[in-house]
Each structure stands twice: as C-alpha cells, then as structure tokens.
C-alpha cells in the first residue's frame, strides 16, 4: 500500500471528514522520482469542533506516527471545521520549493 493511501485511509477512519485531500507534493522537492516524502493534507471534519489548531495537528501527528517515523519527511496540515471551510476559498497554495 502506498504511503498516500495509508494516510488517506487512516484520516478517513479516524475523522470521517466531509472533505479530505491528501496530496503527494514530493515532486516539488529535491527527491528521487516517485518518492512519497512530502505531503499536504486538507481535512474538514466535525471532529475538530471546539479544538484548537495545535490540538488538531497533534491528533493527526499521533495518528500518522508510523508514517512520520518512516519515510515521510514533511507533512503540511490544513485542518478545518465545516463552518471554517465554508467561509474559505480552499486551502493555501503550497510554495514551489524545487530550485
């Protein structure tokens, strides 16, 4: 199973998101082709209601501890409640890191 699929499955099971996007952004960095080292997660879930941003991120970090201890070098997280997501025009665009 790919790292991207593992992340997607774990987040789906734990948070029942109304929106989830797991993007492999490894190609934006200086890594070998087909790497799975840099990911961006955009997740919208009722599970985040009443939780501060740091708590949301800790929940995800704990859930993905195996992936983070393995080959995942970077994980960008954008976590929203349904209300927060409705007031936005999507998640921030990732910067181009490749030189």
PDB file of N, CA and C in Angstrom:
ATOM      1  N   UNK A   1       0.846  -1.179   0.000  1.00  0.00           N
ATOM      2  CA  UNK A   1       0.000   0.000   0.000  1.00  0.00           C
ATOM      3  C   UNK A   1       0.888   1.238   0.000  1.00  0.00           C
ATOM      4  N   UNK A   2       0.512   2.220  -0.793  1.00  0.00           N
ATOM      5  CA  UNK A   2       1.300   3.450  -0.849  1.00  0.00           C
ATOM      6  C   UNK A   2       1.126   4.249   0.442  1.00  0.00           C
ATOM      7  N   UNK A   3       2.080   5.100   0.707  1.00  0.00           N
ATOM      8  CA  UNK A   3       2.011   5.969   1.885  1.00  0.00           C
ATOM      9  C   UNK A   3       0.799   6.891   1.765  1.00  0.00           C
ATOM     10  N   UNK A   4       0.558   7.405   0.585  1.00  0.00           N
ATOM     11  CA  UNK A   4      -0.581   8.296   0.364  1.00  0.00           C
ATOM     12  C   UNK A   4      -1.901   7.587   0.683  1.00  0.00           C
ATOM     13  N   UNK A   5      -2.038   6.350   0.264  1.00  0.00           N
ATOM     14  CA  UNK A   5      -3.246   5.584   0.553  1.00  0.00           C
ATOM     15  C   UNK A   5      -3.380   5.310   2.041  1.00  0.00           C
ATOM     16  N   UNK A   6      -2.284   4.987   2.685  1.00  0.00           N
ATOM     17  CA  UNK A   6      -2.296   4.741   4.127  1.00  0.00           C
ATOM     18  C   UNK A   6      -2.752   5.984   4.892  1.00  0.00           C
ATOM     19  N   UNK A   7      -2.210   7.135   4.525  1.00  0.00           N
ATOM     20  CA  UNK A   7      -2.601   8.393   5.173  1.00  0.00           C
ATOM     21  C   UNK A   7      -4.083   8.659   4.946  1.00  0.00           C
ATOM     22  N   UNK A   8      -4.536   8.501   3.723  1.00  0.00           N
ATOM     23  CA  UNK A   8      -5.940   8.736   3.387  1.00  0.00           C
ATOM     24  C   UNK A   8      -6.852   7.817   4.189  1.00  0.00           C
ATOM     25  N   UNK A   9      -6.519   6.535   4.235  1.00  0.00           N
ATOM     26  CA  UNK A   9      -7.350   5.567   4.956  1.00  0.00           C
ATOM     27  C   UNK A   9      -7.421   5.882   6.450  1.00  0.00           C
ATOM     28  N   UNK A  10      -6.286   6.181   7.051  1.00  0.00           N
ATOM     29  CA  UNK A  10      -6.258   6.472   8.490  1.00  0.00           C
ATOM     30  C   UNK A  10      -7.064   7.724   8.822  1.00  0.00           C
ATOM     31  N   UNK A  11      -6.891   8.777   8.027  1.00  0.00           N
ATOM     32  CA  UNK A  11      -7.626  10.018   8.285  1.00  0.00           C
ATOM     33  C   UNK A  11      -9.126   9.823   8.097  1.00  0.00           C
ATOM     34  N   UNK A  12      -9.500   9.059   7.084  1.00  0.00           N
ATOM     35  CA  UNK A  12     -10.912   8.800   6.827  1.00  0.00           C
ATOM     36  C   UNK A  12     -11.538   8.034   7.987  1.00  0.00           C
ATOM     37  N   UNK A  13     -10.863   7.014   8.457  1.00  0.00           N
ATOM     38  CA  UNK A  13     -11.395   6.201   9.552  1.00  0.00           C
ATOM     39  C   UNK A  13     -11.473   6.972  10.865  1.00  0.00           C
ATOM     40  N   UNK A  14     -10.486   7.785  11.140  1.00  0.00           N
ATOM     41  CA  UNK A  14     -10.419   8.485  12.424  1.00  0.00           C
ATOM     42  C   UNK A  14     -11.312   9.715  12.495  1.00  0.00           C
ATOM     43  N   UNK A  15     -11.486  10.424  11.365  1.00  0.00           N
ATOM     44  CA  UNK A  15     -12.146  11.727  11.416  1.00  0.00           C
ATOM     45  C   UNK A  15     -13.430  11.833  10.604  1.00  0.00           C
ATOM     46  N   UNK A  16     -13.788  10.827   9.838  1.00  0.00           N
ATOM     47  CA  UNK A  16     -14.995  10.875   8.996  1.00  0.00           C
ATOM     48  C   UNK A  16     -15.143  12.247   8.335  1.00  0.00           C
ATOM     49  N   UNK A  17     -14.158  12.649   7.556  1.00  0.00           N
ATOM     50  CA  UNK A  17     -14.157  14.014   7.017  1.00  0.00           C
ATOM     51  C   UNK A  17     -15.261  14.252   5.982  1.00  0.00           C
ATOM     52  N   UNK A  18     -15.744  15.487   5.957  1.00  0.00           N
ATOM     53  CA  UNK A  18     -16.672  15.896   4.904  1.00  0.00           C
ATOM     54  C   UNK A  18     -15.883  16.292   3.651  1.00  0.00           C
ATOM     55  N   UNK A  19     -14.602  16.587   3.832  1.00  0.00           N
ATOM     56  CA  UNK A  19     -13.694  16.847   2.713  1.00  0.00           C
ATOM     57  C   UNK A  19     -12.311  16.394   3.138  1.00  0.00           C
ATOM     58  N   UNK A  20     -11.636  15.692   2.240  1.00  0.00           N
ATOM     59  CA  UNK A  20     -10.272  15.249   2.507  1.00  0.00           C
ATOM     60  C   UNK A  20      -9.490  15.252   1.209  1.00  0.00           C
ATOM     61  N   UNK A  21      -8.323  15.854   1.271  1.00  0.00           N
ATOM     62  CA  UNK A  21      -7.409  15.842   0.144  1.00  0.00           C
ATOM     63  C   UNK A  21      -6.014  15.549   0.694  1.00  0.00           C
ATOM     64  N   UNK A  22      -5.418  14.488   0.187  1.00  0.00           N
ATOM     65  CA  UNK A  22      -4.057  14.126   0.567  1.00  0.00           C
ATOM     66  C   UNK A  22      -3.220  14.199  -0.700  1.00  0.00           C
ATOM     67  N   UNK A  23      -2.369  15.197  -0.758  1.00  0.00           N
ATOM     68  CA  UNK A  23      -1.559  15.435  -1.954  1.00  0.00           C
ATOM     69  C   UNK A  23      -0.108  15.056  -1.706  1.00  0.00           C
ATOM     70  N   UNK A  24       0.436  14.259  -2.607  1.00  0.00           N
ATOM     71  CA  UNK A  24       1.852  13.939  -2.564  1.00  0.00           C
ATOM     72  C   UNK A  24       2.582  15.067  -3.288  1.00  0.00           C
ATOM     73  N   UNK A  25       3.275  15.887  -2.537  1.00  0.00           N
ATOM     74  CA  UNK A  25       3.990  17.031  -3.109  1.00  0.00           C
ATOM     75  C   UNK A  25       5.489  16.780  -3.202  1.00  0.00           C
ATOM     76  N   UNK A  26       5.870  15.535  -3.165  1.00  0.00           N
ATOM     77  CA  UNK A  26       7.292  15.187  -3.210  1.00  0.00           C
ATOM     78  C   UNK A  26       7.966  15.698  -4.475  1.00  0.00           C
ATOM     79  N   UNK A  27       7.220  15.713  -5.575  1.00  0.00           N
ATOM     80  CA  UNK A  27       7.808  16.164  -6.841  1.00  0.00           C
ATOM     81  C   UNK A  27       8.193  17.645  -6.815  1.00  0.00           C
ATOM     82  N   UNK A  28       7.777  18.384  -5.808  1.00  0.00           N
ATOM     83  CA  UNK A  28       8.124  19.803  -5.676  1.00  0.00           C
ATOM     84  C   UNK A  28       9.455  19.984  -4.937  1.00  0.00           C
ATOM     85  N   UNK A  29      10.058  18.876  -4.541  1.00  0.00           N
ATOM     86  CA  UNK A  29      11.271  18.911  -3.729  1.00  0.00           C
ATOM     87  C   UNK A  29      12.377  18.108  -4.405  1.00  0.00           C
ATOM     88  N   UNK A  30      13.560  18.228  -3.888  1.00  0.00           N
ATOM     89  CA  UNK A  30      14.717  17.527  -4.454  1.00  0.00           C
ATOM     90  C   UNK A  30      14.780  16.107  -3.897  1.00  0.00           C
ATOM     91  N   UNK A  31      13.927  15.255  -4.437  1.00  0.00           N
ATOM     92  CA  UNK A  31      13.896  13.844  -4.047  1.00  0.00           C
ATOM     93  C   UNK A  31      13.814  13.002  -5.320  1.00  0.00           C
ATOM     94  N   UNK A  32      14.122  11.722  -5.236  1.00  0.00           N
ATOM     95  CA  UNK A  32      14.026  10.865  -6.420  1.00  0.00           C
ATOM     96  C   UNK A  32      12.586  10.805  -6.955  1.00  0.00           C
ATOM     97  N   UNK A  33      12.436  10.548  -8.248  1.00  0.00           N
ATOM     98  CA  UNK A  33      11.098  10.409  -8.830  1.00  0.00           C
ATOM     99  C   UNK A  33      10.286   9.337  -8.092  1.00  0.00           C
ATOM    100  N   UNK A  34       8.988   9.545  -8.031  1.00  0.00           N
ATOM    101  CA  UNK A  34       8.041   8.618  -7.385  1.00  0.00           C
ATOM    102  C   UNK A  34       8.228   8.503  -5.879  1.00  0.00           C
ATOM    103  N   UNK A  35       8.864   9.478  -5.266  1.00  0.00           N
ATOM    104  CA  UNK A  35       9.037   9.473  -3.807  1.00  0.00           C
ATOM    105  C   UNK A  35       7.709   9.773  -3.123  1.00  0.00           C
ATOM    106  N   UNK A  36       7.612   9.340  -1.886  1.00  0.00           N
ATOM    107  CA  UNK A  36       6.466   9.672  -1.041  1.00  0.00           C
ATOM    108  C   UNK A  36       7.011  10.212   0.274  1.00  0.00           C
ATOM    109  N   UNK A  37       7.527  11.419   0.201  1.00  0.00           N
ATOM    110  CA  UNK A  37       8.207  12.017   1.346  1.00  0.00           C
ATOM    111  C   UNK A  37       7.582  13.310   1.840  1.00  0.00           C
ATOM    112  N   UNK A  38       6.853  14.003   0.983  1.00  0.00           N
ATOM    113  CA  UNK A  38       6.279  15.303   1.324  1.00  0.00           C
ATOM    114  C   UNK A  38       4.785  15.283   0.992  1.00  0.00           C
ATOM    115  N   UNK A  39       3.952  15.549   1.999  1.00  0.00           N
ATOM    116  CA  UNK A  39       2.513  15.502   1.791  1.00  0.00           C
ATOM    117  C   UNK A  39       1.826  16.762   2.323  1.00  0.00           C
ATOM    118  N   UNK A  40       0.727  17.065   1.683  1.00  0.00           N
ATOM    119  CA  UNK A  40      -0.156  18.148   2.122  1.00  0.00           C
ATOM    120  C   UNK A  40      -1.524  17.525   2.373  1.00  0.00           C
ATOM    121  N   UNK A  41      -2.057  17.777   3.561  1.00  0.00           N
ATOM    122  CA  UNK A  41      -3.372  17.269   3.936  1.00  0.00           C
ATOM    123  C   UNK A  41      -4.309  18.449   4.152  1.00  0.00           C
ATOM    124  N   UNK A  42      -5.443  18.398   3.484  1.00  0.00           N
ATOM    125  CA  UNK A  42      -6.529  19.345   3.725  1.00  0.00           C
ATOM    126  C   UNK A  42      -7.697  18.495   4.216  1.00  0.00           C
ATOM    127  N   UNK A  43      -8.121  18.738   5.438  1.00  0.00           N
ATOM    128  CA  UNK A  43      -9.165  17.915   6.034  1.00  0.00           C
ATOM    129  C   UNK A  43     -10.199  18.784   6.733  1.00  0.00           C
ATOM    130  N   UNK A  44     -11.461  18.466   6.489  1.00  0.00           N
ATOM    131  CA  UNK A  44     -12.592  19.165   7.098  1.00  0.00           C
ATOM    132  C   UNK A  44     -13.386  18.121   7.863  1.00  0.00           C
ATOM    133  N   UNK A  45     -13.558  18.355   9.162  1.00  0.00           N
ATOM    134  CA  UNK A  45     -14.236  17.353   9.986  1.00  0.00           C
ATOM    135  C   UNK A  45     -14.932  17.991  11.182  1.00  0.00           C
ATOM    136  N   UNK A  46     -16.065  17.433  11.520  1.00  0.00           N
ATOM    137  CA  UNK A  46     -16.767  17.839  12.733  1.00  0.00           C
ATOM    138  C   UNK A  46     -15.985  17.487  13.988  1.00  0.00           C
ATOM    139  N   UNK A  47     -15.044  16.563  13.860  1.00  0.00           N
ATOM    140  CA  UNK A  47     -14.199  16.171  15.000  1.00  0.00           C
ATOM    141  C   UNK A  47     -13.329  17.329  15.492  1.00  0.00           C
ATOM    142  N   UNK A  48     -13.163  18.348  14.675  1.00  0.00           N
ATOM    143  CA  UNK A  48     -12.327  19.483  15.045  1.00  0.00           C
ATOM    144  C   UNK A  48     -13.093  20.581  15.775  1.00  0.00           C
ATOM    145  N   UNK A  49     -14.405  20.447  15.878  1.00  0.00           N
ATOM    146  CA  UNK A  49     -15.223  21.455  16.580  1.00  0.00           C
ATOM    147  C   UNK A  49     -14.706  21.639  18.001  1.00  0.00           C
ATOM    148  N   UNK A  50     -14.470  22.891  18.384  1.00  0.00           N
ATOM    149  CA  UNK A  50     -14.047  23.208  19.741  1.00  0.00           C
ATOM    150  C   UNK A  50     -12.590  22.889  20.042  1.00  0.00           C
ATOM    151  N   UNK A  51     -11.844  22.432  19.055  1.00  0.00           N
ATOM    152  CA  UNK A  51     -10.435  22.094  19.274  1.00  0.00           C
ATOM    153  C   UNK A  51      -9.534  23.164  18.660  1.00  0.00           C
ATOM    154  N   UNK A  52      -8.517  23.538  19.410  1.00  0.00           N
ATOM    155  CA  UNK A  52      -7.544  24.499  18.901  1.00  0.00           C
ATOM    156  C   UNK A  52      -6.717  23.868  17.800  1.00  0.00           C
ATOM    157  N   UNK A  53      -6.096  24.708  16.996  1.00  0.00           N
ATOM    158  CA  UNK A  53      -5.295  24.248  15.873  1.00  0.00           C
ATOM    159  C   UNK A  53      -4.202  23.279  16.321  1.00  0.00           C
ATOM    160  N   UNK A  54      -3.514  23.589  17.397  1.00  0.00           N
ATOM    161  CA  UNK A  54      -2.432  22.716  17.866  1.00  0.00           C
ATOM    162  C   UNK A  54      -2.964  21.344  18.255  1.00  0.00           C
ATOM    163  N   UNK A  55      -4.148  21.296  18.828  1.00  0.00           N
ATOM    164  CA  UNK A  55      -4.757  20.018  19.203  1.00  0.00           C
ATOM    165  C   UNK A  55      -5.104  19.210  17.963  1.00  0.00           C
ATOM    166  N   UNK A  56      -5.638  19.857  16.954  1.00  0.00           N
ATOM    167  CA  UNK A  56      -5.966  19.182  15.700  1.00  0.00           C
ATOM    168  C   UNK A  56      -4.711  18.570  15.087  1.00  0.00           C
ATOM    169  N   UNK A  57      -3.645  19.344  15.060  1.00  0.00           N
ATOM    170  CA  UNK A  57      -2.393  18.874  14.468  1.00  0.00           C
ATOM    171  C   UNK A  57      -1.791  17.727  15.283  1.00  0.00           C
ATOM    172  N   UNK A  58      -1.894  17.813  16.591  1.00  0.00           N
ATOM    173  CA  UNK A  58      -1.388  16.726  17.440  1.00  0.00           C
ATOM    174  C   UNK A  58      -2.159  15.433  17.192  1.00  0.00           C
ATOM    175  N   UNK A  59      -3.470  15.544  17.024  1.00  0.00           N
ATOM    176  CA  UNK A  59      -4.278  14.357  16.736  1.00  0.00           C
ATOM    177  C   UNK A  59      -3.810  13.682  15.451  1.00  0.00           C
ATOM    178  N   UNK A  60      -3.550  14.475  14.429  1.00  0.00           N
ATOM    179  CA  UNK A  60      -3.102  13.926  13.149  1.00  0.00           C
ATOM    180  C   UNK A  60      -1.688  13.375  13.269  1.00  0.00           C
ATOM    181  N   UNK A  61      -0.804  14.103  13.928  1.00  0.00           N
ATOM    182  CA  UNK A  61       0.566  13.615  14.125  1.00  0.00           C
ATOM    183  C   UNK A  61       0.573  12.278  14.862  1.00  0.00           C
ATOM    184  N   UNK A  62      -0.254  12.154  15.900  1.00  0.00           N
ATOM    185  CA  UNK A  62      -0.328  10.898  16.643  1.00  0.00           C
ATOM    186  C   UNK A  62      -0.852   9.769  15.761  1.00  0.00           C
ATOM    187  N   UNK A  63      -1.874  10.053  14.984  1.00  0.00           N
ATOM    188  CA  UNK A  63      -2.470   9.058  14.101  1.00  0.00           C
ATOM    189  C   UNK A  63      -1.483   8.574  13.040  1.00  0.00           C
ATOM    190  N   UNK A  64      -0.665   9.486  12.536  1.00  0.00           N
ATOM    191  CA  UNK A  64       0.264   9.170  11.447  1.00  0.00           C
ATOM    192  C   UNK A  64       1.701   8.956  11.952  1.00  0.00           C
ATOM    193  N   UNK A  65       1.841   8.580  13.204  1.00  0.00           N
ATOM    194  CA  UNK A  65       3.172   8.415  13.809  1.00  0.00           C
ATOM    195  C   UNK A  65       4.042   7.437  13.032  1.00  0.00           C
ATOM    196  N   UNK A  66       3.471   6.342  12.551  1.00  0.00           N
ATOM    197  CA  UNK A  66       4.264   5.357  11.808  1.00  0.00           C
ATOM    198  C   UNK A  66       4.794   5.945  10.504  1.00  0.00           C
ATOM    199  N   UNK A  67       3.949   6.658   9.788  1.00  0.00           N
ATOM    200  CA  UNK A  67       4.370   7.271   8.523  1.00  0.00           C
ATOM    201  C   UNK A  67       5.430   8.334   8.763  1.00  0.00           C
ATOM    202  N   UNK A  68       5.254   9.122   9.819  1.00  0.00           N
ATOM    203  CA  UNK A  68       6.212  10.184  10.127  1.00  0.00           C
ATOM    204  C   UNK A  68       7.543   9.622  10.630  1.00  0.00           C
ATOM    205  N   UNK A  69       7.503   8.475  11.262  1.00  0.00           N
ATOM    206  CA  UNK A  69       8.732   7.839  11.732  1.00  0.00           C
ATOM    207  C   UNK A  69       9.447   7.125  10.594  1.00  0.00           C
ATOM    208  N   UNK A  70       8.708   6.864   9.529  1.00  0.00           N
ATOM    209  CA  UNK A  70       9.285   6.175   8.376  1.00  0.00           C
ATOM    210  C   UNK A  70       9.803   7.169   7.364  1.00  0.00           C
ATOM    211  N   UNK A  71       9.315   7.078   6.137  1.00  0.00           N
ATOM    212  CA  UNK A  71       9.856   7.872   5.051  1.00  0.00           C
ATOM    213  C   UNK A  71       9.273   9.250   4.856  1.00  0.00           C
ATOM    214  N   UNK A  72       8.211   9.602   5.588  1.00  0.00           N
ATOM    215  CA  UNK A  72       7.609  10.921   5.395  1.00  0.00           C
ATOM    216  C   UNK A  72       8.481  11.971   6.068  1.00  0.00           C
ATOM    217  N   UNK A  73       8.957  12.889   5.262  1.00  0.00           N
ATOM    218  CA  UNK A  73       9.858  13.946   5.735  1.00  0.00           C
ATOM    219  C   UNK A  73       9.087  15.198   6.145  1.00  0.00           C
ATOM    220  N   UNK A  74       7.984  15.483   5.438  1.00  0.00           N
ATOM    221  CA  UNK A  74       7.233  16.710   5.703  1.00  0.00           C
ATOM    222  C   UNK A  74       5.743  16.459   5.531  1.00  0.00           C
ATOM    223  N   UNK A  75       4.967  17.033   6.441  1.00  0.00           N
ATOM    224  CA  UNK A  75       3.511  16.926   6.390  1.00  0.00           C
ATOM    225  C   UNK A  75       2.922  18.301   6.682  1.00  0.00           C
ATOM    226  N   UNK A  76       2.326  18.886   5.673  1.00  0.00           N
ATOM    227  CA  UNK A  76       1.634  20.158   5.836  1.00  0.00           C
ATOM    228  C   UNK A  76       0.172  19.854   6.109  1.00  0.00           C
ATOM    229  N   UNK A  77      -0.389  20.467   7.146  1.00  0.00           N
ATOM    230  CA  UNK A  77      -1.771  20.190   7.521  1.00  0.00           C
ATOM    231  C   UNK A  77      -2.605  21.462   7.503  1.00  0.00           C
ATOM    232  N   UNK A  78      -3.757  21.357   6.889  1.00  0.00           N
ATOM    233  CA  UNK A  78      -4.764  22.411   6.915  1.00  0.00           C
ATOM    234  C   UNK A  78      -6.032  21.752   7.442  1.00  0.00           C
ATOM    235  N   UNK A  79      -6.387  22.083   8.676  1.00  0.00           N
ATOM    236  CA  UNK A  79      -7.496  21.419   9.363  1.00  0.00           C
ATOM    237  C   UNK A  79      -8.615  22.420   9.622  1.00  0.00           C
ATOM    238  N   UNK A  80      -9.835  22.047   9.249  1.00  0.00           N
ATOM    239  CA  UNK A  80     -10.972  22.961   9.354  1.00  0.00           C
ATOM    240  C   UNK A  80     -12.208  22.252   9.879  1.00  0.00           C
ATOM    241  N   UNK A  81     -13.044  23.021  10.558  1.00  0.00           N
ATOM    242  CA  UNK A  81     -14.393  22.560  10.834  1.00  0.00           C
ATOM    243  C   UNK A  81     -15.215  22.849   9.577  1.00  0.00           C
ATOM    244  N   UNK A  82     -16.415  22.310   9.513  1.00  0.00           N
ATOM    245  CA  UNK A  82     -17.264  22.578   8.346  1.00  0.00           C
ATOM    246  C   UNK A  82     -17.538  24.074   8.199  1.00  0.00           C
ATOM    247  N   UNK A  83     -17.792  24.748   9.294  1.00  0.00           N
ATOM    248  CA  UNK A  83     -18.077  26.188   9.250  1.00  0.00           C
ATOM    249  C   UNK A  83     -16.867  26.974   8.766  1.00  0.00           C
ATOM    250  N   UNK A  84     -15.687  26.632   9.267  1.00  0.00           N
ATOM    251  CA  UNK A  84     -14.466  27.314   8.833  1.00  0.00           C
ATOM    252  C   UNK A  84     -14.226  27.098   7.336  1.00  0.00           C
ATOM    253  N   UNK A  85     -14.454  25.888   6.880  1.00  0.00           N
ATOM    254  CA  UNK A  85     -14.228  25.554   5.470  1.00  0.00           C
ATOM    255  C   UNK A  85     -15.188  26.318   4.569  1.00  0.00           C
ATOM    256  N   UNK A  86     -16.431  26.460   4.986  1.00  0.00           N
ATOM    257  CA  UNK A  86     -17.434  27.167   4.192  1.00  0.00           C
ATOM    258  C   UNK A  86     -17.082  28.636   4.011  1.00  0.00           C
ATOM    259  N   UNK A  87     -16.352  29.203   4.964  1.00  0.00           N
ATOM    260  CA  UNK A  87     -16.002  30.624   4.880  1.00  0.00           C
ATOM    261  C   UNK A  87     -14.694  30.865   4.113  1.00  0.00           C
ATOM    262  N   UNK A  88     -14.084  29.791   3.617  1.00  0.00           N
ATOM    263  CA  UNK A  88     -12.802  29.902   2.903  1.00  0.00           C
ATOM    264  C   UNK A  88     -13.004  29.650   1.423  1.00  0.00           C
ATOM    265  N   UNK A  89     -11.981  29.994   0.685  1.00  0.00           N
ATOM    266  CA  UNK A  89     -11.961  29.688  -0.743  1.00  0.00           C
ATOM    267  C   UNK A  89     -10.866  28.654  -0.989  1.00  0.00           C
ATOM    268  N   UNK A  90     -10.944  27.530  -0.286  1.00  0.00           N
ATOM    269  CA  UNK A  90      -9.941  26.478  -0.408  1.00  0.00           C
ATOM    270  C   UNK A  90      -8.785  26.666   0.560  1.00  0.00           C
ATOM    271  N   UNK A  91      -7.849  25.758   0.477  1.00  0.00           N
ATOM    272  CA  UNK A  91      -6.659  25.796   1.341  1.00  0.00           C
ATOM    273  C   UNK A  91      -5.562  26.623   0.666  1.00  0.00           C
ATOM    274  N   UNK A  92      -4.604  27.111   1.443  1.00  0.00           N
ATOM    275  CA  UNK A  92      -3.500  27.852   0.854  1.00  0.00           C
ATOM    276  C   UNK A  92      -2.726  27.006  -0.161  1.00  0.00           C
ATOM    277  N   UNK A  93      -2.210  27.678  -1.159  1.00  0.00           N
ATOM    278  CA  UNK A  93      -1.399  27.015  -2.181  1.00  0.00           C
ATOM    279  C   UNK A  93       0.001  26.787  -1.620  1.00  0.00           C
ATOM    280  N   UNK A  94       0.530  25.621  -1.888  1.00  0.00           N
ATOM    281  CA  UNK A  94       1.884  25.304  -1.417  1.00  0.00           C
ATOM    282  C   UNK A  94       2.925  26.052  -2.237  1.00  0.00           C
ATOM    283  N   UNK A  95       3.981  26.503  -1.599  1.00  0.00           N
ATOM    284  CA  UNK A  95       5.046  27.197  -2.341  1.00  0.00           C
ATOM    285  C   UNK A  95       5.827  26.217  -3.209  1.00  0.00           C
ATOM    286  N   UNK A  96       6.448  26.731  -4.230  1.00  0.00           N
ATOM    287  CA  UNK A  96       7.311  25.920  -5.085  1.00  0.00           C
ATOM    288  C   UNK A  96       8.678  25.851  -4.400  1.00  0.00           C
ATOM    289  N   UNK A  97       9.045  24.664  -3.978  1.00  0.00           N
ATOM    290  CA  UNK A  97      10.293  24.503  -3.243  1.00  0.00           C
ATOM    291  C   UNK A  97      11.449  24.082  -4.116  1.00  0.00           C
ATOM    292  N   UNK A  98      11.160  23.505  -5.247  1.00  0.00           N
ATOM    293  CA  UNK A  98      12.215  22.994  -6.113  1.00  0.00           C
ATOM    294  C   UNK A  98      13.012  24.153  -6.700  1.00  0.00           C
ATOM    295  N   UNK A  99      14.320  24.074  -6.586  1.00  0.00           N
ATOM    296  CA  UNK A  99      15.182  25.141  -7.070  1.00  0.00           C
ATOM    297  C   UNK A  99      15.252  25.153  -8.541  1.00  0.00           C
TER     298      UNK A  99
END
